[in-house]
Amino acid sequence: MDKKPNFQEIKNKFQNADLDEKIRIYTTTSGLSVQEFKELLKMFPLKHLDKLERAMA
């Protein structure tokens, strides 16, 4: 059984990551709540949302 990821750790990595790494973290991390994903999304550069959308498609 997978343990719940440490959100604070993921959040810190996400905050310090470059764009490609942010996309990788957002699209490959599982086990987060909707609220946690929303919190990450707030830190994502809005002008690059299209790249994130394509990565999730």
C-alpha atoms as a PDB file:
ATOM      1  CA  MET A   1       0.000   0.000   0.000  1.00  0.00           C
ATOM      2  CA  ASP A   2       1.376   3.412  -1.016  1.00  0.00           C
ATOM      3  CA  LYS A   3       1.825   5.933   1.740  1.00  0.00           C
ATOM      4  CA  LYS A   4       0.519   9.446   1.275  1.00  0.00           C
ATOM      5  CA  PRO A   5       3.223  11.695  -0.174  1.00  0.00           C
ATOM      6  CA  ASN A   6       4.647  14.439   2.023  1.00  0.00           C
ATOM      7  CA  PHE A   7       2.901  17.465   0.546  1.00  0.00           C
ATOM      8  CA  GLN A   8       5.161  20.061   2.157  1.00  0.00           C
ATOM      9  CA  GLU A   9       8.200  18.355   0.627  1.00  0.00           C
ATOM     10  CA  ILE A  10       6.543  18.200  -2.796  1.00  0.00           C
ATOM     11  CA  LYS A  11       5.449  21.827  -2.480  1.00  0.00           C
ATOM     12  CA  ASN A  12       9.000  22.959  -1.676  1.00  0.00           C
ATOM     13  CA  LYS A  13      10.430  21.028  -4.650  1.00  0.00           C
ATOM     14  CA  PHE A  14       7.710  22.429  -6.908  1.00  0.00           C
ATOM     15  CA  GLN A  15       8.355  25.975  -5.766  1.00  0.00           C
ATOM     16  CA  ASN A  16      12.074  25.743  -6.565  1.00  0.00           C
ATOM     17  CA  ALA A  17      11.755  23.774  -9.800  1.00  0.00           C
ATOM     18  CA  ASP A  18      12.112  25.075 -13.340  1.00  0.00           C
ATOM     19  CA  LEU A  19       9.120  24.915 -15.682  1.00  0.00           C
ATOM     20  CA  ASP A  20       9.785  21.416 -17.044  1.00  0.00           C
ATOM     21  CA  GLU A  21      10.315  20.038 -13.554  1.00  0.00           C
ATOM     22  CA  LYS A  22       7.098  21.695 -12.313  1.00  0.00           C
ATOM     23  CA  ILE A  23       5.221  19.980 -15.145  1.00  0.00           C
ATOM     24  CA  ARG A  24       6.864  16.638 -14.316  1.00  0.00           C
ATOM     25  CA  ILE A  25       6.023  16.932 -10.619  1.00  0.00           C
ATOM     26  CA  TYR A  26       2.429  17.988 -11.319  1.00  0.00           C
ATOM     27  CA  THR A  27       1.742  15.249 -13.852  1.00  0.00           C
ATOM     28  CA  THR A  28       3.502  12.332 -12.118  1.00  0.00           C
ATOM     29  CA  THR A  29       2.682  12.879  -8.437  1.00  0.00           C
ATOM     30  CA  SER A  30      -0.199  10.770  -7.204  1.00  0.00           C
ATOM     31  CA  GLY A  31      -1.986  10.587  -3.891  1.00  0.00           C
ATOM     32  CA  LEU A  32      -2.525  14.310  -3.438  1.00  0.00           C
ATOM     33  CA  SER A  33      -5.920  15.768  -2.642  1.00  0.00           C
ATOM     34  CA  VAL A  34      -7.706  18.105  -5.029  1.00  0.00           C
ATOM     35  CA  GLN A  35      -6.901  20.948  -2.639  1.00  0.00           C
ATOM     36  CA  GLU A  36      -3.177  20.082  -2.714  1.00  0.00           C
ATOM     37  CA  PHE A  37      -3.145  19.996  -6.523  1.00  0.00           C
ATOM     38  CA  LYS A  38      -4.890  23.385  -6.541  1.00  0.00           C
ATOM     39  CA  GLU A  39      -2.225  24.760  -4.210  1.00  0.00           C
ATOM     40  CA  LEU A  40       0.514  23.621  -6.610  1.00  0.00           C
ATOM     41  CA  LEU A  41      -1.384  25.092  -9.528  1.00  0.00           C
ATOM     42  CA  LYS A  42      -1.420  28.498  -7.804  1.00  0.00           C
ATOM     43  CA  MET A  43       2.398  28.450  -7.958  1.00  0.00           C
ATOM     44  CA  PHE A  44       2.481  27.511 -11.652  1.00  0.00           C
ATOM     45  CA  PRO A  45       3.318  30.359 -14.071  1.00  0.00           C
ATOM     46  CA  LEU A  46      -0.008  31.196 -15.727  1.00  0.00           C
ATOM     47  CA  LYS A  47       1.570  32.112 -19.048  1.00  0.00           C
ATOM     48  CA  HIS A  48       2.675  28.462 -19.405  1.00  0.00           C
ATOM     49  CA  LEU A  49      -0.620  26.778 -18.513  1.00  0.00           C
ATOM     50  CA  ASP A  50      -0.959  25.614 -22.111  1.00  0.00           C
ATOM     51  CA  LYS A  51       2.220  23.518 -21.710  1.00  0.00           C
ATOM     52  CA  LEU A  52       0.806  21.904 -18.580  1.00  0.00           C
ATOM     53  CA  GLU A  53      -2.491  21.202 -20.340  1.00  0.00           C
ATOM     54  CA  ARG A  54      -0.681  19.526 -23.240  1.00  0.00           C
ATOM     55  CA  ALA A  55       1.386  17.409 -20.823  1.00  0.00           C
ATOM     56  CA  MET A  56      -1.767  16.225 -19.099  1.00  0.00           C
ATOM     57  CA  ALA A  57      -3.581  15.337 -22.337  1.00  0.00           C
END
